[in-house]
Protein backbone atom coordinates (compact mmCIF):
# COMPACT_ATOMS: atom_id res chain seq x y z
CA MET A 1 21.35 -22.02 113.52
CA LEU A 2 19.76 -21.83 116.96
CA HIS A 3 17.26 -24.68 116.58
CA GLN A 4 17.12 -27.51 114.08
CA ARG A 5 14.50 -30.08 113.11
CA SER A 6 16.75 -32.82 114.45
CA ASP A 7 16.72 -31.31 117.95
CA PRO A 8 14.85 -33.68 120.31
CA PHE A 9 12.43 -31.11 121.76
CA SER A 10 9.75 -28.99 120.10
CA ILE A 11 9.28 -25.23 119.88
CA GLU A 12 6.76 -23.23 117.87
CA GLY A 13 6.96 -19.62 116.70
CA GLY A 14 3.88 -18.50 118.60
CA ASP A 15 5.84 -19.04 121.81
CA VAL A 16 8.66 -16.64 120.88
CA LEU A 17 8.22 -12.90 121.48
CA VAL A 18 11.11 -10.57 120.66
CA LEU A 19 11.02 -7.89 123.36
CA SER A 20 14.12 -5.88 122.43
CA PRO A 21 17.55 -6.36 120.82
CA GLU A 22 18.73 -7.91 124.10
CA ALA A 23 15.69 -9.71 125.51
CA ILE A 24 13.17 -12.28 124.33
CA ALA A 25 10.29 -14.11 125.96
CA ILE A 26 9.60 -17.77 125.25
CA GLY A 27 6.44 -19.54 126.35
CA ILE A 28 6.54 -22.94 128.00
CA SER A 29 3.26 -24.15 126.59
CA GLN A 30 1.28 -27.04 125.19
CA ARG A 31 3.53 -26.86 122.10
CA THR A 32 6.93 -25.76 123.45
CA ASP A 33 8.91 -28.00 125.79
CA PRO A 34 10.81 -26.49 128.76
CA HIS A 35 13.94 -28.41 127.77
CA VAL A 36 14.10 -26.63 124.41
CA VAL A 37 13.68 -23.26 126.13
CA GLU A 38 16.72 -23.98 128.27
CA ALA A 39 18.77 -25.31 125.34
CA LEU A 40 17.79 -22.41 123.09
CA ALA A 41 18.50 -19.86 125.82
CA GLU A 42 21.95 -21.35 126.34
CA ARG A 43 22.71 -21.05 122.62
CA ILE A 44 21.29 -17.54 122.34
CA ILE A 45 22.91 -16.12 125.47
CA CYS A 46 26.22 -17.96 125.62
CA GLU A 47 27.01 -17.64 121.90
CA GLU A 48 27.09 -13.83 122.06
CA THR A 49 24.09 -13.14 119.82
CA GLY A 50 23.35 -9.85 121.59
CA ILE A 51 20.52 -11.39 123.61
CA LEU A 52 21.34 -11.06 127.31
CA ARG A 53 18.13 -12.34 128.85
CA VAL A 54 15.45 -14.90 128.06
CA LEU A 55 12.20 -14.83 130.01
CA ALA A 56 10.64 -18.29 130.10
CA ILE A 57 6.94 -17.85 130.79
CA ASP A 58 5.19 -21.03 131.91
CA ILE A 59 1.52 -20.88 130.88
CA PRO A 60 -1.31 -23.39 131.42
CA LYS A 61 -1.16 -26.35 129.03
CA THR A 62 -4.56 -26.11 127.36
CA ARG A 63 -5.71 -25.80 123.75
CA SER A 64 -7.17 -22.33 124.34
CA TYR A 65 -3.72 -21.17 125.54
CA MET A 66 -1.81 -23.06 122.85
CA HIS A 67 1.07 -20.54 122.58
CA LEU A 68 2.31 -17.55 124.52
CA ASP A 69 0.95 -15.22 121.83
CA THR A 70 -2.58 -16.52 122.45
CA VAL A 71 -2.45 -14.94 125.92
CA MET A 72 0.10 -12.11 125.56
CA THR A 73 1.60 -9.91 122.84
CA MET A 74 3.69 -6.75 122.82
CA VAL A 75 1.86 -3.80 121.24
CA ASP A 76 4.25 -0.91 121.96
CA TRP A 77 7.68 -0.30 123.49
CA ASP A 78 6.07 -0.40 126.93
CA LYS A 79 2.66 -2.00 126.45
CA PHE A 80 1.37 -5.57 126.30
CA THR A 81 -2.01 -7.21 125.85
CA ILE A 82 -2.59 -10.04 128.30
CA HIS A 83 -5.39 -12.42 129.18
CA PRO A 84 -6.06 -11.57 132.85
CA SER A 85 -7.17 -15.08 133.83
CA ILE A 86 -3.67 -16.50 133.38
CA LEU A 87 -1.90 -14.00 135.64
CA PRO A 88 -2.42 -15.96 138.90
CA MET A 89 -1.17 -19.15 137.19
CA LEU A 90 1.96 -17.82 135.48
CA ARG A 91 5.48 -18.74 136.50
CA THR A 92 8.30 -16.71 135.01
CA PHE A 93 11.97 -17.70 134.89
CA SER A 94 14.85 -15.36 134.03
CA LEU A 95 17.66 -17.02 132.09
CA THR A 96 20.91 -15.07 131.94
CA LYS A 97 24.63 -15.68 131.65
CA SER A 98 26.16 -16.25 135.07
CA GLU A 99 29.87 -16.97 135.54
CA GLY A 100 30.22 -18.08 131.93
CA ARG A 101 27.22 -20.42 131.92
CA LEU A 102 23.46 -20.25 131.85
CA GLY A 103 21.81 -19.19 135.10
CA ILE A 104 18.10 -19.78 135.76
CA GLU A 105 16.10 -17.89 138.38
CA LEU A 106 12.42 -18.33 139.28
CA GLU A 107 10.98 -14.82 139.47
CA LYS A 108 9.00 -13.91 142.57
CA ARG A 109 7.95 -10.55 141.13
CA LYS A 110 4.91 -9.81 139.00
CA LEU A 111 5.30 -10.31 135.26
CA ALA A 112 4.93 -6.57 134.61
CA GLU A 113 7.91 -5.83 136.88
CA VAL A 114 10.05 -8.49 135.22
CA LEU A 115 9.19 -7.18 131.75
CA ALA A 116 9.93 -3.59 132.78
CA GLU A 117 13.36 -4.59 134.08
CA ALA A 118 14.15 -6.59 130.94
CA LEU A 119 13.23 -3.56 128.83
CA HIS A 120 15.08 -1.06 131.07
CA LEU A 121 11.85 0.81 131.79
CA ASP A 122 10.34 2.11 135.01
CA LYS A 123 7.10 0.30 134.24
CA VAL A 124 5.06 -1.34 131.50
CA THR A 125 1.32 -1.25 130.91
CA MET A 126 -0.52 -4.57 130.87
CA ILE A 127 -3.71 -4.12 128.83
CA HIS A 128 -6.22 -6.75 129.91
CA CYS A 129 -8.07 -8.58 127.16
CA GLY A 130 -11.78 -7.89 127.64
CA GLY A 131 -11.10 -5.27 130.29
CA GLY A 132 -12.40 -5.99 133.77
CA SER A 133 -15.11 -8.42 132.66
CA ALA A 134 -14.35 -12.13 133.08
CA ILE A 135 -17.00 -12.94 130.44
CA ASP A 136 -15.62 -10.49 127.86
CA ALA A 137 -12.06 -11.60 128.62
CA ALA A 138 -12.83 -15.30 128.10
CA ARG A 139 -14.80 -14.66 124.89
CA GLU A 140 -12.26 -12.30 123.35
CA GLN A 141 -9.25 -14.40 124.33
CA TRP A 142 -10.89 -17.40 122.63
CA ASN A 143 -11.30 -15.17 119.56
CA ASP A 144 -7.63 -14.11 119.75
CA GLY A 145 -8.12 -10.71 121.34
CA THR A 146 -4.58 -10.90 122.71
CA ASN A 147 -3.12 -12.15 119.43
CA THR A 148 -2.42 -8.76 117.87
CA LEU A 149 0.21 -8.14 115.20
CA ALA A 150 2.32 -5.04 115.90
CA ILE A 151 3.29 -3.46 112.57
CA ALA A 152 5.00 -0.55 114.36
CA PRO A 153 5.34 0.49 118.00
CA GLY A 154 1.83 1.42 119.13
CA GLU A 155 0.16 0.23 115.90
CA VAL A 156 -1.47 -3.18 115.57
CA ILE A 157 -3.68 -5.34 113.39
CA ALA A 158 -6.50 -7.03 115.32
CA PHE A 159 -9.69 -8.98 114.69
CA SER A 160 -12.76 -6.72 114.44
CA ARG A 161 -14.87 -9.04 116.61
CA ASN A 162 -12.82 -8.19 119.74
CA TYR A 163 -14.41 -4.78 120.15
CA VAL A 164 -13.92 -4.54 123.93
CA THR A 165 -10.17 -5.20 123.78
CA ASN A 166 -9.75 -3.05 120.67
CA GLY A 167 -11.44 -0.16 122.46
CA ILE A 168 -9.15 -0.54 125.47
CA LEU A 169 -6.10 -0.63 123.19
CA ARG A 170 -7.25 2.65 121.62
CA ASP A 171 -7.86 4.14 125.07
CA ASN A 172 -4.20 3.34 125.80
CA GLY A 173 -2.96 5.19 122.72
CA VAL A 174 -2.59 2.18 120.42
CA THR A 175 -3.69 2.54 116.78
CA VAL A 176 -5.81 -0.50 115.88
CA HIS A 177 -6.43 -1.63 112.30
CA GLU A 178 -9.34 -4.05 112.39
CA ILE A 179 -9.76 -6.89 109.92
CA PRO A 180 -12.93 -8.97 109.36
CA SER A 181 -12.71 -12.14 111.41
CA ALA A 182 -15.92 -14.16 111.28
CA GLU A 183 -14.29 -16.91 109.22
CA LEU A 184 -10.62 -16.41 110.12
CA SER A 185 -11.26 -16.91 113.83
CA ARG A 186 -12.71 -20.38 113.18
CA GLY A 187 -9.27 -21.63 112.19
CA ARG A 188 -7.81 -20.63 115.59
CA GLY A 189 -5.09 -18.04 115.53
CA GLY A 190 -5.16 -14.27 115.21
CA PRO A 191 -3.23 -11.77 113.10
CA ARG A 192 0.12 -12.55 114.75
CA CYS A 193 -0.39 -16.27 114.18
CA MET A 194 -0.95 -15.60 110.48
CA SER A 195 2.30 -13.66 110.03
CA MET A 196 5.89 -14.69 109.43
CA PRO A 197 8.23 -11.80 110.28
CA LEU A 198 11.59 -12.07 108.52
CA TRP A 199 13.19 -8.95 110.01
CA ARG A 200 12.21 -6.65 112.80
CA GLU A 201 13.90 -3.51 114.14
């Protein structure tokens, strides 16, 4: 058991993104405490679970950015949706095993470079929610345009109302299955928020 209810700090599932069999990203958010990220990373990495690296991504602490998956999700082996407005504010930490204990490093590189290295890729594509428009990006992020549920690499479920982001995903080779969202979006949380994966390859 990596985290228990009796642990003194909180973490929520929307802040945990499995990147690969050896890397995960955890958001430091309004709902997930940085102390639990460090404690969880130590358990995951030092107990030989197969995870070699945890990326702790510190996002703004606001209701509209409640969890990491409200501003970023993985949609393919090498592609991510991201809310462009948070990029200047992000801080990313790499947590790895160093000399038998947990080592923490503040990354000076761009998030895309850190993700590419963690995934052993030359580069990753960051698909901006709402494209280049600040108005579209803000509207579609609020309506969970970045909260897609990947059901296979390059295949996602997304809210139909986020037509700008869905179009950009398709332009980047991602298959998008749209679901009606007029009422669902009122409850806050997109397709990924409404899922509970039990096993993922």
